[in-house]
Amino acid sequence: MRKGLIVLLAAVLVVAFALPVMADVSFFGSGRVIPTYYSNFDFNKNTADYPTTNEGGLISGEHIRGELRLGWKAGGDKWKIMMIAETDLIYNKNNVDRAVGTDGAAFGIERAELSYAFAPALELFTGWPISAVDIGTGGLLYGDDHPIIGFRGKFTDNIKYQLVYVSIQNTPTGATTLEPTVTNDWRVYFLKPEFSFGTAAMKGTLSPIVLFSDNRQRNAKITYYGLEGIGQFGMIKPSFEVIAADGEFRGATTVDIKSYAAFAGVELAVNKAFNPYVAVRYTKGDDNSGDNEAEGFVGVTDIGRFTPLMGMDGNILGEHLTTTAVGAFSFGSPLYSYAPERAGGGTGRIYGGISNGGNGNNPGSQIIAVGAKGNLEDFVKGLSYKAQAFYIRYDKTGNLVNLQTPGTSVDKYAGVTTDLQLMYAFSPNFSVNGIYSMFVPGDGIKDQLAITADDTFASLYTMNLVWTY
């Protein structure tokens, strides 16, 4: 009996020391159901629209998208783990039956972040969380959920930094293909220190940015230099960024990449019901696809759709505005982007952008934005809004083709977009927000339509039904 107890105690001790210290795990999640209608994304009411792509997959016209997430997290004094499983699909039988080969079968870890703080100034983190260098201002350069590994920390309360390696593409051509180890790879490295000053309602942050894009898939290497600033001075909230691109395409005939982009905006916190803003967003364009310079600005991933001032998750400029079956673009901005980085024609000068499709021949753009947002709970409890309008011009049009009057230049006026978003929270766990968004084409877009086109505005109606816990 005594021997049995001793053996049992020894076994318990072995198991206890062998197991890691258990931590509390908390679960969270969200469900977004998004009834949506796309209309005239090709700006031509004489023809039916071709399908386009959003987060749920290939779609056209009326559809319902579902974004369903289940997350869990744990942590201690120095370590943290967070993971979110997600499926994002278009409502139809094939998707939700989860048959092999359908969109519904694609369920996995959408977000993950693991970190360990060796010291306040040295925290290791990795996974594929949302990472960004400028999502807090114009979103011109990079913001996405690509796989990363890096360090971050703070030396003082006023000096912080990120040093990050981003693995965007690292897949061999095939298991039996002989190739250099870097073929088709795309790696990004960035350093972003942050210097804060002031307190309370008089404060600001300045952040230099250095990012190197080693894009072997497109045979390009680019170094981006930038500066980002965010401040609050009483009711005035300014923000800005400037980014310069300096690089080249590798190859027998060297083509230099020389471009720049900028953003500046100011918001006035008049009161909680009315916060107006004005902003300007600029990306340089290229007007000669035959010279030895690619001057059209392309970031790693333009993330304008999710920026705090001009952004709106679900507005028309941040969607895929396709015009043909092969994916030509009526303005040139792919999903999430506000810049016409896929316009301009040709494939030989692609050097970045979402899905690595942004072209150095692109025309660039100038966007002047005005808007306002606010919380209307003093009038209707749970109600808030955001409204904005963008005036859009091309920067250069030398690489665009005028189909209305062949042989003449395309006009620089691209058009106007307007967005209206209303949000109502029924409870802390359920809310509804609706967006009406339209893009009225200017002469610059009309010039590029077929001679048989009957131009009209593109529009989008969407409603977000959101459950969170």
Protein backbone atom coordinates (compact mmCIF):
# COMPACT_ATOMS: atom_id res chain seq x y z
CA MET A 1 0.00 0.00 0.00
CA ARG A 2 2.75 2.43 0.99
CA LYS A 3 4.75 1.52 -2.09
CA GLY A 4 1.70 2.15 -4.25
CA LEU A 5 1.19 5.60 -2.73
CA ILE A 6 4.85 6.47 -3.26
CA VAL A 7 4.65 5.38 -6.92
CA LEU A 8 1.42 7.38 -7.42
CA LEU A 9 2.95 10.48 -5.78
CA ALA A 10 6.07 10.17 -7.93
CA ALA A 11 3.93 9.88 -11.07
CA VAL A 12 1.92 12.96 -10.13
CA LEU A 13 5.11 14.96 -9.52
CA VAL A 14 6.58 13.86 -12.86
CA VAL A 15 3.42 14.90 -14.71
CA ALA A 16 3.21 18.19 -12.81
CA PHE A 17 6.78 19.19 -13.63
CA ALA A 18 6.47 17.95 -17.21
CA LEU A 19 3.38 20.06 -17.99
CA PRO A 20 3.80 23.76 -18.72
CA VAL A 21 2.25 26.25 -16.38
CA MET A 22 -1.34 26.58 -17.52
CA ALA A 23 -2.76 30.01 -18.27
CA ASP A 24 -6.26 31.37 -18.42
CA VAL A 25 -7.62 31.37 -21.95
CA SER A 26 -10.33 33.79 -22.98
CA PHE A 27 -12.49 33.45 -26.07
CA PHE A 28 -13.93 36.22 -28.22
CA GLY A 29 -15.40 36.49 -31.64
CA SER A 30 -17.51 38.30 -34.16
CA GLY A 31 -19.92 37.62 -36.96
CA ARG A 32 -20.50 40.06 -39.80
CA VAL A 33 -23.27 39.44 -42.29
CA ILE A 34 -23.04 41.92 -45.15
CA PRO A 35 -25.88 42.18 -47.70
CA THR A 36 -24.44 44.16 -50.63
CA TYR A 37 -25.36 45.41 -54.09
CA TYR A 38 -22.88 46.53 -56.75
CA SER A 39 -24.12 48.50 -59.75
CA ASN A 40 -22.36 49.68 -62.93
CA PHE A 41 -18.81 49.13 -61.70
CA ASP A 42 -17.76 49.59 -65.35
CA PHE A 43 -19.46 53.05 -65.56
CA ASN A 44 -21.44 51.77 -68.56
CA LYS A 45 -25.20 51.18 -68.36
CA ASN A 46 -25.30 49.68 -71.87
CA THR A 47 -23.70 46.43 -70.65
CA ALA A 48 -24.01 44.09 -67.70
CA ASP A 49 -21.15 44.14 -65.20
CA TYR A 50 -18.39 41.56 -65.19
CA PRO A 51 -17.81 39.80 -61.84
CA THR A 52 -15.35 41.41 -59.47
CA THR A 53 -13.51 40.24 -56.38
CA ASN A 54 -14.01 41.12 -52.74
CA GLU A 55 -12.91 39.45 -49.51
CA GLY A 56 -15.51 36.69 -49.93
CA GLY A 57 -14.55 35.74 -53.47
CA LEU A 58 -15.76 36.36 -57.03
CA ILE A 59 -19.10 38.14 -57.16
CA SER A 60 -21.40 40.36 -59.22
CA GLY A 61 -24.41 42.51 -58.35
CA GLU A 62 -26.47 41.44 -55.33
CA HIS A 63 -24.83 39.16 -52.78
CA ILE A 64 -24.47 38.43 -49.08
CA ARG A 65 -21.00 38.10 -47.62
CA GLY A 66 -20.30 36.42 -44.29
CA GLU A 67 -17.19 37.08 -42.20
CA LEU A 68 -17.24 34.77 -39.17
CA ARG A 69 -14.46 34.82 -36.59
CA LEU A 70 -13.61 32.84 -33.46
CA GLY A 71 -10.68 34.09 -31.41
CA TRP A 72 -8.84 33.09 -28.28
CA LYS A 73 -6.00 34.64 -26.30
CA ALA A 74 -3.81 33.94 -23.30
CA GLY A 75 -0.87 35.65 -21.67
CA GLY A 76 1.32 36.27 -18.67
CA ASP A 77 3.69 38.93 -17.41
CA LYS A 78 6.00 38.67 -20.40
CA TRP A 79 4.22 36.56 -23.01
CA LYS A 80 1.05 36.76 -25.07
CA ILE A 81 -0.68 34.59 -27.65
CA MET A 82 -3.67 35.56 -29.78
CA MET A 83 -5.26 33.63 -32.63
CA ILE A 84 -8.37 34.22 -34.72
CA ALA A 85 -9.93 31.55 -36.93
CA GLU A 86 -12.02 32.90 -39.78
CA THR A 87 -14.11 31.97 -42.76
CA ASP A 88 -15.02 34.68 -45.25
CA LEU A 89 -17.45 33.63 -47.94
CA ILE A 90 -20.31 34.56 -50.22
CA TYR A 91 -23.64 33.04 -49.18
CA ASN A 92 -24.46 30.13 -51.47
CA LYS A 93 -25.01 26.42 -51.01
CA ASN A 94 -21.66 25.30 -52.40
CA ASN A 95 -19.76 27.52 -49.99
CA VAL A 96 -21.58 26.68 -46.79
CA ASP A 97 -21.72 22.93 -47.48
CA ARG A 98 -17.94 23.08 -47.15
CA ALA A 99 -17.27 20.71 -50.00
CA VAL A 100 -13.64 20.22 -50.95
CA GLY A 101 -12.57 22.83 -53.48
CA THR A 102 -15.21 25.41 -52.57
CA ASP A 103 -14.70 28.69 -50.76
CA GLY A 104 -16.44 27.34 -47.68
CA ALA A 105 -13.67 24.79 -47.15
CA ALA A 106 -11.16 27.60 -46.60
CA PHE A 107 -11.36 27.92 -42.83
CA GLY A 108 -8.21 28.52 -40.84
CA ILE A 109 -6.15 30.86 -38.68
CA GLU A 110 -6.74 34.28 -40.24
CA ARG A 111 -4.80 36.23 -37.58
CA ALA A 112 -2.14 35.18 -35.11
CA GLU A 113 0.27 37.04 -32.86
CA LEU A 114 2.77 35.59 -30.42
CA SER A 115 5.08 37.76 -28.33
CA TYR A 116 7.61 37.61 -25.53
CA ALA A 117 9.01 40.71 -23.77
CA PHE A 118 12.62 40.17 -22.65
CA ALA A 119 12.64 43.78 -21.46
CA PRO A 120 10.55 46.90 -22.12
CA ALA A 121 12.94 47.81 -24.93
CA LEU A 122 13.05 44.31 -26.47
CA GLU A 123 9.87 42.42 -27.29
CA LEU A 124 9.93 39.61 -29.84
CA PHE A 125 6.73 39.19 -31.85
CA THR A 126 5.67 37.04 -34.78
CA GLY A 127 2.66 35.59 -36.58
CA TRP A 128 0.37 37.30 -39.04
CA PRO A 129 -1.44 40.10 -37.21
CA ILE A 130 -2.34 43.41 -38.82
CA SER A 131 1.00 45.17 -39.25
CA ALA A 132 1.53 48.59 -40.77
CA VAL A 133 3.86 51.53 -41.10
CA ASP A 134 1.35 54.27 -41.96
CA ILE A 135 -2.22 53.05 -41.42
CA GLY A 136 -2.70 55.87 -38.90
CA THR A 137 -2.34 58.58 -41.56
CA GLY A 138 -2.68 58.10 -45.35
CA GLY A 139 -1.98 54.37 -45.72
CA LEU A 140 0.17 55.02 -48.79
CA LEU A 141 2.93 52.49 -48.12
CA TYR A 142 2.06 49.37 -46.11
CA GLY A 143 -0.63 47.78 -44.00
CA ASP A 144 -1.76 44.15 -44.16
CA ASP A 145 -1.84 40.83 -42.30
CA HIS A 146 1.21 39.25 -43.94
CA PRO A 147 3.44 36.86 -41.93
CA ILE A 148 6.00 38.79 -39.88
CA ILE A 149 8.71 38.39 -37.29
CA GLY A 150 10.42 41.27 -35.54
CA PHE A 151 11.19 43.29 -32.47
CA ARG A 152 9.47 46.25 -30.85
CA GLY A 153 9.71 48.09 -27.60
CA LYS A 154 10.12 51.38 -25.84
CA PHE A 155 13.27 52.96 -24.49
CA THR A 156 11.26 55.61 -22.65
CA ASP A 157 7.59 56.56 -22.59
CA ASN A 158 8.36 58.91 -25.47
CA ILE A 159 10.60 56.74 -27.66
CA LYS A 160 9.33 53.49 -29.23
CA TYR A 161 10.28 51.44 -32.28
CA GLN A 162 9.44 48.54 -34.60
CA LEU A 163 12.01 46.50 -36.55
CA VAL A 164 10.14 44.00 -38.74
CA TYR A 165 10.72 41.35 -41.39
CA VAL A 166 7.69 40.66 -43.62
CA SER A 167 7.48 37.47 -45.68
CA ILE A 168 4.98 38.20 -48.45
CA GLN A 169 5.95 35.58 -51.02
CA ASN A 170 8.26 32.61 -50.39
CA THR A 171 6.98 29.69 -52.47
CA PRO A 172 9.16 27.65 -54.86
CA THR A 173 7.91 27.16 -58.41
CA GLY A 174 7.60 23.41 -57.87
CA ALA A 175 9.00 20.51 -55.90
CA THR A 176 11.01 19.20 -58.87
CA THR A 177 12.05 22.55 -60.37
CA LEU A 178 15.68 23.61 -60.15
CA GLU A 179 15.86 27.32 -59.37
CA PRO A 180 17.78 29.89 -57.31
CA THR A 181 16.56 29.96 -53.72
CA VAL A 182 15.15 33.49 -54.05
CA THR A 183 13.08 32.99 -57.22
CA ASN A 184 9.58 34.46 -56.85
CA ASP A 185 10.28 35.63 -53.28
CA TRP A 186 9.10 38.97 -51.99
CA ARG A 187 10.50 40.11 -48.67
CA VAL A 188 10.06 43.45 -46.92
CA TYR A 189 12.09 44.92 -44.04
CA PHE A 190 11.17 48.07 -42.17
CA LEU A 191 12.31 50.19 -39.25
CA LYS A 192 9.97 52.70 -37.68
CA PRO A 193 10.93 54.63 -34.53
CA GLU A 194 8.34 56.86 -32.85
CA PHE A 195 9.13 60.04 -30.95
CA SER A 196 6.29 61.47 -28.86
CA PHE A 197 6.03 64.85 -27.20
CA GLY A 198 3.51 66.73 -25.08
CA THR A 199 0.59 65.42 -23.02
CA ALA A 200 -3.21 65.44 -22.86
CA ALA A 201 -4.72 67.78 -25.49
CA MET A 202 -1.33 69.13 -26.62
CA LYS A 203 0.64 66.20 -27.96
CA GLY A 204 2.14 64.67 -31.06
CA THR A 205 4.19 61.84 -32.57
CA LEU A 206 6.82 61.94 -35.31
CA SER A 207 7.88 58.69 -36.96
CA PRO A 208 10.67 58.32 -39.54
CA ILE A 209 10.18 55.31 -41.84
CA VAL A 210 12.75 53.23 -43.72
CA LEU A 211 11.41 50.24 -45.68
CA PHE A 212 13.23 47.98 -48.15
CA SER A 213 11.19 45.91 -50.59
CA ASP A 214 13.15 43.00 -52.11
CA ASN A 215 10.63 41.94 -54.75
CA ARG A 216 12.31 39.08 -56.61
CA GLN A 217 8.99 37.98 -58.10
CA ARG A 218 8.94 41.25 -60.07
CA ASN A 219 12.73 41.57 -60.30
CA ALA A 220 12.65 44.88 -58.43
CA LYS A 221 14.28 46.36 -55.35
CA ILE A 222 13.02 49.57 -53.78
CA THR A 223 13.92 51.55 -50.69
CA TYR A 224 11.19 53.78 -49.30
CA TYR A 225 12.01 56.72 -47.04
CA GLY A 226 9.29 58.53 -45.15
CA LEU A 227 8.09 60.60 -42.26
CA GLU A 228 4.73 60.32 -40.50
CA GLY A 229 3.24 62.76 -38.02
CA ILE A 230 0.11 62.68 -35.84
CA GLY A 231 -0.89 65.39 -33.38
CA GLN A 232 -3.58 66.97 -31.25
CA PHE A 233 -3.52 70.62 -30.30
CA GLY A 234 -6.74 71.43 -28.52
CA MET A 235 -9.60 70.78 -30.94
CA ILE A 236 -7.21 70.59 -33.93
CA LYS A 237 -5.97 67.12 -34.94
CA PRO A 238 -3.43 67.26 -37.80
CA SER A 239 -1.77 64.27 -39.48
CA PHE A 240 0.59 63.84 -42.43
CA GLU A 241 3.03 61.55 -44.18
CA VAL A 242 5.53 61.82 -47.02
CA ILE A 243 7.05 58.80 -48.77
CA ALA A 244 9.82 58.66 -51.41
CA ALA A 245 10.60 55.53 -53.46
CA ASP A 246 14.10 54.93 -54.82
CA GLY A 247 14.99 51.69 -56.59
CA GLU A 248 15.42 49.82 -59.83
CA PHE A 249 14.37 46.79 -61.82
CA ARG A 250 17.08 44.16 -62.03
CA GLY A 251 17.93 43.11 -65.55
CA ALA A 252 20.03 43.78 -68.63
CA THR A 253 18.30 47.13 -69.24
CA THR A 254 18.01 48.93 -65.93
CA VAL A 255 14.85 50.90 -65.31
CA ASP A 256 15.01 53.21 -62.31
CA ILE A 257 12.12 53.54 -59.87
CA LYS A 258 11.80 57.15 -58.77
CA SER A 259 8.57 58.30 -57.20
CA TYR A 260 6.90 59.81 -54.16
CA ALA A 261 3.56 60.18 -52.39
CA ALA A 262 2.13 62.35 -49.65
CA PHE A 263 -0.87 62.84 -47.39
CA ALA A 264 -2.01 65.66 -45.12
CA GLY A 265 -5.20 66.14 -43.19
CA VAL A 266 -6.73 68.00 -40.29
CA GLU A 267 -9.77 67.12 -38.20
CA LEU A 268 -11.60 69.56 -35.94
CA ALA A 269 -13.10 68.07 -32.77
CA VAL A 270 -15.88 70.67 -32.57
CA ASN A 271 -18.07 68.43 -30.39
CA LYS A 272 -18.96 64.76 -30.23
CA ALA A 273 -21.72 65.19 -32.83
CA PHE A 274 -19.68 67.07 -35.42
CA ASN A 275 -16.03 66.45 -36.30
CA PRO A 276 -15.32 67.84 -39.78
CA TYR A 277 -12.11 67.12 -41.68
CA VAL A 278 -10.28 68.05 -44.85
CA ALA A 279 -7.43 66.02 -46.38
CA VAL A 280 -5.26 65.76 -49.49
CA ARG A 281 -3.80 62.49 -50.77
CA TYR A 282 -1.23 62.44 -53.60
CA THR A 283 0.59 59.72 -55.53
CA LYS A 284 2.97 60.64 -58.35
CA GLY A 285 2.17 59.36 -61.83
CA ASP A 286 4.18 58.31 -64.89
CA ASP A 287 3.56 59.80 -68.35
CA ASN A 288 6.06 57.90 -70.53
CA SER A 289 6.12 54.11 -70.35
CA GLY A 290 8.96 53.95 -72.88
CA ASP A 291 11.68 55.76 -70.94
CA ASN A 292 14.07 54.33 -68.34
CA GLU A 293 12.18 55.61 -65.29
CA ALA A 294 9.10 54.14 -63.61
CA GLU A 295 7.65 57.20 -61.88
CA GLY A 296 4.19 55.93 -60.93
CA PHE A 297 4.06 55.44 -57.16
CA VAL A 298 3.29 51.95 -55.86
CA GLY A 299 3.46 51.04 -52.18
CA VAL A 300 3.84 47.57 -50.75
CA THR A 301 0.12 47.54 -49.93
CA ASP A 302 -1.96 50.71 -50.16
CA ILE A 303 -4.35 50.54 -47.20
CA GLY A 304 -6.32 53.76 -47.69
CA ARG A 305 -9.66 52.04 -47.05
CA PHE A 306 -8.81 51.45 -43.36
CA THR A 307 -7.19 54.77 -42.46
CA PRO A 308 -8.88 56.85 -39.73
CA LEU A 309 -9.55 60.08 -41.61
CA MET A 310 -10.38 59.15 -45.22
CA GLY A 311 -11.03 55.45 -44.68
CA MET A 312 -14.36 53.64 -44.74
CA ASP A 313 -14.64 49.84 -44.70
CA GLY A 314 -17.02 49.25 -47.59
CA ASN A 315 -16.88 52.44 -49.65
CA ILE A 316 -16.68 52.26 -53.43
CA LEU A 317 -13.16 53.61 -53.99
CA GLY A 318 -11.75 50.80 -51.83
CA GLU A 319 -13.47 48.12 -53.96
CA HIS A 320 -12.37 46.35 -57.17
CA LEU A 321 -13.84 48.42 -60.03
CA THR A 322 -13.35 45.96 -62.92
CA THR A 323 -14.46 46.64 -66.48
CA THR A 324 -13.60 43.51 -68.50
CA ALA A 325 -13.40 39.74 -68.13
CA VAL A 326 -9.60 39.92 -67.92
CA GLY A 327 -9.71 42.30 -64.96
CA ALA A 328 -8.99 45.70 -66.45
CA PHE A 329 -9.82 48.53 -64.10
CA SER A 330 -12.03 51.51 -64.74
CA PHE A 331 -10.04 53.64 -62.29
CA GLY A 332 -7.16 51.36 -61.41
CA SER A 333 -7.40 51.06 -57.62
CA PRO A 334 -7.59 47.43 -56.45
CA LEU A 335 -9.28 46.23 -53.26
CA TYR A 336 -8.36 48.39 -50.19
CA SER A 337 -6.34 50.88 -52.26
CA TYR A 338 -7.22 54.50 -53.06
CA ALA A 339 -4.44 54.88 -55.68
CA PRO A 340 -4.86 53.94 -59.40
CA GLU A 341 -1.81 51.69 -59.23
CA ARG A 342 -3.07 49.16 -61.83
CA ALA A 343 -3.88 51.67 -64.57
CA GLY A 344 -1.41 52.67 -67.28
CA GLY A 345 -1.01 49.41 -69.16
CA GLY A 346 1.88 46.98 -69.49
CA THR A 347 3.28 44.42 -67.06
CA GLY A 348 7.03 44.99 -67.25
CA ARG A 349 7.11 47.66 -64.54
CA ILE A 350 5.06 46.05 -61.79
CA TYR A 351 6.85 46.40 -58.46
CA GLY A 352 4.35 46.12 -55.59
CA GLY A 353 0.80 46.66 -54.47
CA ILE A 354 -1.80 44.17 -53.27
CA SER A 355 -1.26 40.78 -54.96
CA ASN A 356 1.92 42.29 -56.46
CA GLY A 357 0.00 43.97 -59.28
CA GLY A 358 0.87 47.69 -58.94
CA ASN A 359 2.42 49.19 -62.06
CA GLY A 360 5.10 51.88 -62.26
CA ASN A 361 3.37 53.13 -65.45
CA ASN A 362 0.31 54.20 -63.44
CA PRO A 363 -1.06 57.76 -63.72
CA GLY A 364 -1.02 58.58 -60.01
CA SER A 365 -3.74 60.68 -58.43
CA GLN A 366 -4.64 63.77 -56.47
CA ILE A 367 -7.56 63.38 -54.06
CA ILE A 368 -9.07 66.27 -52.15
CA ALA A 369 -11.37 64.99 -49.41
CA VAL A 370 -13.89 66.71 -47.15
CA GLY A 371 -15.98 64.93 -44.56
CA ALA A 372 -17.44 64.80 -41.11
CA LYS A 373 -18.23 62.19 -38.47
CA GLY A 374 -19.87 62.18 -35.09
CA ASN A 375 -21.85 60.51 -32.35
CA LEU A 376 -25.53 61.49 -32.28
CA GLU A 377 -26.47 59.81 -29.01
CA ASP A 378 -27.74 63.11 -27.56
CA PHE A 379 -30.44 62.95 -30.21
CA VAL A 380 -30.80 59.19 -30.81
CA LYS A 381 -29.06 56.81 -28.44
CA GLY A 382 -26.67 54.48 -30.25
CA LEU A 383 -26.60 56.44 -33.54
CA SER A 384 -23.42 57.69 -35.24
CA TYR A 385 -22.40 58.65 -38.78
CA LYS A 386 -19.63 59.43 -41.24
CA ALA A 387 -20.06 61.35 -44.52
CA GLN A 388 -17.39 62.31 -47.04
CA ALA A 389 -16.74 63.35 -50.63
CA PHE A 390 -13.57 62.93 -52.74
CA TYR A 391 -12.60 65.07 -55.75
CA ILE A 392 -10.18 62.93 -57.82
CA ARG A 393 -7.73 63.89 -60.56
CA TYR A 394 -5.07 61.91 -62.34
CA ASP A 395 -1.53 63.24 -61.84
CA LYS A 396 -0.33 62.21 -65.33
CA THR A 397 -2.30 60.76 -68.27
CA GLY A 398 0.42 60.03 -70.85
CA ASN A 399 0.04 56.25 -70.47
CA LEU A 400 -3.77 56.21 -70.58
CA VAL A 401 -5.63 55.53 -73.86
CA ASN A 402 -8.45 57.76 -75.07
CA LEU A 403 -11.05 55.54 -76.77
CA GLN A 404 -13.55 58.34 -77.32
CA THR A 405 -11.15 60.50 -79.35
CA PRO A 406 -8.20 58.30 -80.37
CA GLY A 407 -4.84 60.03 -80.54
CA THR A 408 -5.70 62.72 -77.99
CA SER A 409 -4.82 62.96 -74.31
CA VAL A 410 -7.08 61.66 -71.58
CA ASP A 411 -8.53 64.40 -69.39
CA LYS A 412 -7.08 64.61 -65.86
CA TYR A 413 -10.43 64.91 -64.08
CA ALA A 414 -11.26 61.35 -62.91
CA GLY A 415 -14.46 62.05 -60.96
CA VAL A 416 -16.11 62.43 -57.58
CA THR A 417 -17.00 59.85 -54.95
CA THR A 418 -19.45 60.32 -52.09
CA ASP A 419 -19.87 58.06 -49.07
CA LEU A 420 -22.52 58.06 -46.36
CA GLN A 421 -22.34 55.65 -43.41
CA LEU A 422 -24.91 55.41 -40.62
CA MET A 423 -24.28 53.18 -37.59
CA TYR A 424 -26.72 52.14 -34.87
CA ALA A 425 -25.80 50.06 -31.82
CA PHE A 426 -28.80 48.13 -30.52
CA SER A 427 -26.64 46.76 -27.70
CA PRO A 428 -22.92 46.33 -26.89
CA ASN A 429 -23.08 43.01 -28.75
CA PHE A 430 -25.14 43.85 -31.84
CA SER A 431 -24.97 46.78 -34.23
CA VAL A 432 -26.01 47.67 -37.75
CA ASN A 433 -24.33 50.05 -40.16
CA GLY A 434 -25.28 50.88 -43.70
CA ILE A 435 -23.23 52.50 -46.45
CA TYR A 436 -24.34 54.17 -49.67
CA SER A 437 -21.38 55.03 -51.87
CA MET A 438 -21.14 56.21 -55.47
CA PHE A 439 -18.46 57.17 -57.99
CA VAL A 440 -19.50 59.77 -60.59
CA PRO A 441 -17.01 59.49 -63.48
CA GLY A 442 -15.26 62.58 -64.77
CA ASP A 443 -14.03 63.21 -68.31
CA GLY A 444 -10.81 61.30 -67.55
CA ILE A 445 -12.70 58.05 -67.00
CA LYS A 446 -15.27 58.74 -69.74
CA ASP A 447 -12.43 59.21 -72.25
CA GLN A 448 -11.29 55.64 -71.53
CA LEU A 449 -14.71 54.03 -72.06
CA ALA A 450 -15.59 52.34 -75.34
CA ILE A 451 -17.20 54.58 -77.96
CA THR A 452 -20.40 52.53 -77.58
CA ALA A 453 -20.57 53.12 -73.80
CA ASP A 454 -23.38 55.06 -72.15
CA ASP A 455 -21.65 56.45 -69.11
CA THR A 456 -23.27 56.39 -65.69
CA PHE A 457 -22.17 56.50 -62.08
CA ALA A 458 -21.07 53.36 -60.22
CA SER A 459 -22.79 52.70 -56.91
CA LEU A 460 -22.63 50.44 -53.91
CA TYR A 461 -25.17 49.70 -51.19
CA THR A 462 -24.12 47.61 -48.23
CA MET A 463 -25.33 46.82 -44.73
CA ASN A 464 -23.21 45.36 -41.93
CA LEU A 465 -25.03 43.24 -39.34
CA VAL A 466 -22.40 42.80 -36.63
CA TRP A 467 -22.43 40.47 -33.62
CA THR A 468 -19.48 40.65 -31.18
CA TYR A 469 -18.64 38.99 -27.87
